[in-house]
Amino acid sequence: MIGDLLARLLELLEIEAPGAMTVCVGDYIVRGDHSAAVLRMLMDCCADPDGNFICIVGNHERMLLDFLGAPTDRGSR
């Protein structure tokens, strides 16, 4: 189980554990430079037909989804 990635997944996923279930528990994105790359990698991993990778939405992702759903209502902070 991996939590609070905060755009550091590219470094963390160097660990190899063949056949192990990987559960990521949110906070994949942040104001860092690698958020888009992290999301792309997570989407690729979750598309694996073996089903050994699960991603759960964290509060950072929820805030982004809320903003994208209503940018004028949630844009100011």
N, C-alpha and C. Protein backbone atom coordinates (compact mmCIF):
# COMPACT_ATOMS: atom_id res chain seq x y z
N MET A 1 0.85 -1.16 0.00
CA MET A 1 0.00 0.00 0.00
C MET A 1 0.90 1.23 0.00
N ILE A 2 0.57 2.18 -0.87
CA ILE A 2 1.37 3.40 -1.00
C ILE A 2 0.44 4.59 -0.82
N GLY A 3 0.77 5.48 0.10
CA GLY A 3 -0.07 6.65 0.35
C GLY A 3 0.68 7.95 0.22
N ASP A 4 -0.07 9.02 0.02
CA ASP A 4 0.49 10.37 -0.08
C ASP A 4 1.68 10.44 -1.02
N LEU A 5 1.45 10.05 -2.25
CA LEU A 5 2.52 10.04 -3.24
C LEU A 5 3.03 11.44 -3.54
N LEU A 6 2.11 12.39 -3.62
CA LEU A 6 2.46 13.77 -3.88
C LEU A 6 3.47 13.90 -5.02
N ALA A 7 3.15 13.28 -6.13
CA ALA A 7 3.93 13.38 -7.36
C ALA A 7 5.32 12.78 -7.27
N ARG A 8 5.54 11.82 -6.36
CA ARG A 8 6.85 11.16 -6.25
C ARG A 8 6.78 9.70 -6.68
N LEU A 9 5.71 9.31 -7.33
CA LEU A 9 5.53 7.91 -7.72
C LEU A 9 6.64 7.43 -8.64
N LEU A 10 7.13 8.30 -9.49
CA LEU A 10 8.17 7.88 -10.43
C LEU A 10 9.39 7.33 -9.70
N GLU A 11 9.69 7.88 -8.54
CA GLU A 11 10.82 7.38 -7.74
C GLU A 11 10.44 6.12 -6.97
N LEU A 12 9.23 6.10 -6.41
CA LEU A 12 8.81 5.01 -5.53
C LEU A 12 8.58 3.69 -6.26
N LEU A 13 8.15 3.74 -7.51
CA LEU A 13 7.81 2.51 -8.22
C LEU A 13 9.01 1.79 -8.82
N GLU A 14 10.19 2.12 -8.37
CA GLU A 14 11.38 1.39 -8.79
C GLU A 14 11.45 0.03 -8.09
N ILE A 15 10.66 -0.16 -7.06
CA ILE A 15 10.63 -1.42 -6.31
C ILE A 15 9.89 -2.46 -7.14
N GLU A 16 10.45 -3.63 -7.27
CA GLU A 16 9.80 -4.70 -8.02
C GLU A 16 9.27 -5.76 -7.06
N ALA A 17 8.03 -6.12 -7.25
CA ALA A 17 7.41 -7.20 -6.46
C ALA A 17 6.45 -7.93 -7.38
N PRO A 18 6.97 -8.84 -8.19
CA PRO A 18 6.14 -9.54 -9.17
C PRO A 18 4.91 -10.18 -8.54
N GLY A 19 3.75 -9.89 -9.12
CA GLY A 19 2.51 -10.50 -8.68
C GLY A 19 1.87 -9.88 -7.46
N ALA A 20 2.54 -8.92 -6.83
CA ALA A 20 1.99 -8.30 -5.62
C ALA A 20 0.90 -7.30 -5.99
N MET A 21 -0.12 -7.21 -5.16
CA MET A 21 -1.17 -6.22 -5.33
C MET A 21 -0.65 -4.89 -4.81
N THR A 22 -0.77 -3.85 -5.63
CA THR A 22 -0.36 -2.51 -5.22
C THR A 22 -1.61 -1.67 -5.07
N VAL A 23 -1.79 -1.07 -3.90
CA VAL A 23 -2.94 -0.20 -3.64
C VAL A 23 -2.40 1.19 -3.34
N CYS A 24 -2.76 2.15 -4.17
CA CYS A 24 -2.36 3.54 -3.95
C CYS A 24 -3.55 4.27 -3.35
N VAL A 25 -3.33 4.95 -2.25
CA VAL A 25 -4.45 5.50 -1.49
C VAL A 25 -4.54 7.03 -1.55
N GLY A 26 -4.29 7.59 -2.71
CA GLY A 26 -4.57 8.99 -2.93
C GLY A 26 -3.39 9.92 -2.80
N ASP A 27 -3.69 11.20 -3.07
CA ASP A 27 -2.72 12.29 -3.05
C ASP A 27 -1.60 12.05 -4.06
N TYR A 28 -2.01 11.84 -5.30
CA TYR A 28 -1.07 11.63 -6.40
C TYR A 28 -0.62 12.94 -7.01
N ILE A 29 -1.43 13.97 -6.84
CA ILE A 29 -1.15 15.26 -7.48
C ILE A 29 -0.89 16.32 -6.42
N VAL A 30 -0.10 17.30 -6.82
CA VAL A 30 0.24 18.43 -5.96
C VAL A 30 0.76 19.52 -6.88
N ARG A 31 1.21 20.59 -6.36
CA ARG A 31 1.71 21.69 -7.19
C ARG A 31 3.07 21.39 -7.81
N GLY A 32 3.59 20.22 -7.66
CA GLY A 32 4.90 19.86 -8.20
C GLY A 32 4.92 19.73 -9.71
N ASP A 33 6.09 19.44 -10.21
CA ASP A 33 6.31 19.38 -11.66
C ASP A 33 5.88 18.07 -12.30
N HIS A 34 5.63 17.02 -11.54
CA HIS A 34 5.44 15.70 -12.12
C HIS A 34 4.02 15.14 -11.98
N SER A 35 3.06 15.96 -11.59
CA SER A 35 1.71 15.45 -11.36
C SER A 35 1.11 14.79 -12.60
N ALA A 36 1.26 15.41 -13.76
CA ALA A 36 0.70 14.84 -14.99
C ALA A 36 1.36 13.50 -15.31
N ALA A 37 2.67 13.41 -15.14
CA ALA A 37 3.37 12.15 -15.42
C ALA A 37 2.93 11.07 -14.44
N VAL A 38 2.72 11.44 -13.19
CA VAL A 38 2.26 10.47 -12.19
C VAL A 38 0.88 9.95 -12.57
N LEU A 39 -0.03 10.85 -12.96
CA LEU A 39 -1.38 10.42 -13.35
C LEU A 39 -1.34 9.51 -14.58
N ARG A 40 -0.49 9.84 -15.55
CA ARG A 40 -0.36 8.98 -16.73
C ARG A 40 0.13 7.59 -16.34
N MET A 41 1.14 7.53 -15.49
CA MET A 41 1.68 6.24 -15.06
C MET A 41 0.63 5.44 -14.29
N LEU A 42 -0.12 6.11 -13.42
CA LEU A 42 -1.17 5.41 -12.67
C LEU A 42 -2.24 4.86 -13.60
N MET A 43 -2.63 5.64 -14.60
CA MET A 43 -3.64 5.16 -15.55
C MET A 43 -3.12 3.94 -16.31
N ASP A 44 -1.85 3.97 -16.70
CA ASP A 44 -1.26 2.81 -17.38
C ASP A 44 -1.23 1.59 -16.46
N CYS A 45 -0.84 1.80 -15.21
CA CYS A 45 -0.77 0.68 -14.26
C CYS A 45 -2.15 0.10 -13.99
N CYS A 46 -3.16 0.96 -13.86
CA CYS A 46 -4.52 0.48 -13.57
C CYS A 46 -5.15 -0.21 -14.78
N ALA A 47 -4.63 0.06 -15.97
CA ALA A 47 -5.14 -0.59 -17.18
C ALA A 47 -4.55 -1.99 -17.37
N ASP A 48 -3.65 -2.39 -16.50
CA ASP A 48 -3.02 -3.71 -16.57
C ASP A 48 -4.08 -4.80 -16.46
N PRO A 49 -4.15 -5.70 -17.43
CA PRO A 49 -5.17 -6.75 -17.40
C PRO A 49 -5.03 -7.72 -16.24
N ASP A 50 -3.86 -7.78 -15.60
CA ASP A 50 -3.69 -8.66 -14.44
C ASP A 50 -4.43 -8.14 -13.21
N GLY A 51 -4.76 -6.85 -13.20
CA GLY A 51 -5.52 -6.27 -12.10
C GLY A 51 -4.78 -6.20 -10.79
N ASN A 52 -3.47 -6.04 -10.82
CA ASN A 52 -2.67 -5.99 -9.60
C ASN A 52 -2.41 -4.57 -9.10
N PHE A 53 -3.17 -3.60 -9.59
CA PHE A 53 -2.92 -2.21 -9.25
C PHE A 53 -4.25 -1.51 -9.05
N ILE A 54 -4.45 -0.92 -7.87
CA ILE A 54 -5.69 -0.23 -7.55
C ILE A 54 -5.35 1.18 -7.07
N CYS A 55 -6.10 2.16 -7.56
CA CYS A 55 -5.91 3.55 -7.14
C CYS A 55 -7.19 4.06 -6.49
N ILE A 56 -7.05 4.64 -5.31
CA ILE A 56 -8.18 5.22 -4.59
C ILE A 56 -8.00 6.73 -4.59
N VAL A 57 -9.08 7.46 -4.82
CA VAL A 57 -9.03 8.92 -4.88
C VAL A 57 -8.77 9.49 -3.49
N GLY A 58 -7.80 10.41 -3.41
CA GLY A 58 -7.49 11.10 -2.16
C GLY A 58 -8.07 12.50 -2.15
N ASN A 59 -7.80 13.25 -1.10
CA ASN A 59 -8.38 14.59 -1.00
C ASN A 59 -7.85 15.55 -2.07
N HIS A 60 -6.62 15.40 -2.51
CA HIS A 60 -6.08 16.26 -3.57
C HIS A 60 -6.82 16.00 -4.88
N GLU A 61 -7.04 14.74 -5.20
CA GLU A 61 -7.76 14.40 -6.43
C GLU A 61 -9.22 14.85 -6.33
N ARG A 62 -9.83 14.70 -5.16
CA ARG A 62 -11.22 15.13 -4.96
C ARG A 62 -11.35 16.63 -5.19
N MET A 63 -10.39 17.41 -4.67
CA MET A 63 -10.43 18.86 -4.88
C MET A 63 -10.31 19.20 -6.36
N LEU A 64 -9.45 18.50 -7.09
CA LEU A 64 -9.31 18.74 -8.52
C LEU A 64 -10.60 18.39 -9.25
N LEU A 65 -11.18 17.24 -8.94
CA LEU A 65 -12.43 16.83 -9.59
C LEU A 65 -13.56 17.81 -9.28
N ASP A 66 -13.63 18.28 -8.04
CA ASP A 66 -14.64 19.27 -7.68
C ASP A 66 -14.45 20.56 -8.47
N PHE A 67 -13.20 20.99 -8.59
CA PHE A 67 -12.91 22.20 -9.36
C PHE A 67 -13.28 22.02 -10.83
N LEU A 68 -12.90 20.90 -11.42
CA LEU A 68 -13.21 20.66 -12.83
C LEU A 68 -14.71 20.59 -13.08
N GLY A 69 -15.46 20.14 -12.08
CA GLY A 69 -16.91 20.06 -12.21
C GLY A 69 -17.60 21.41 -12.11
N ALA A 70 -16.99 22.37 -11.42
CA ALA A 70 -17.59 23.69 -11.23
C ALA A 70 -16.49 24.73 -11.00
N PRO A 71 -15.71 25.05 -12.05
CA PRO A 71 -14.55 25.92 -11.86
C PRO A 71 -14.89 27.32 -11.36
N THR A 72 -16.02 27.88 -11.76
CA THR A 72 -16.34 29.24 -11.31
C THR A 72 -16.76 29.25 -9.84
N ASP A 73 -17.34 28.16 -9.37
CA ASP A 73 -17.76 28.08 -7.97
C ASP A 73 -16.60 27.76 -7.03
N ARG A 74 -15.61 27.03 -7.51
CA ARG A 74 -14.55 26.53 -6.63
C ARG A 74 -13.17 27.08 -6.97
N GLY A 75 -13.10 28.05 -7.86
CA GLY A 75 -11.81 28.55 -8.32
C GLY A 75 -11.05 29.39 -7.32
N SER A 76 -11.74 30.16 -6.50
CA SER A 76 -11.02 31.01 -5.54
C SER A 76 -10.74 30.24 -4.26
N ARG A 77 -9.65 30.58 -3.65
CA ARG A 77 -9.27 29.87 -2.43
C ARG A 77 -8.60 30.82 -1.48
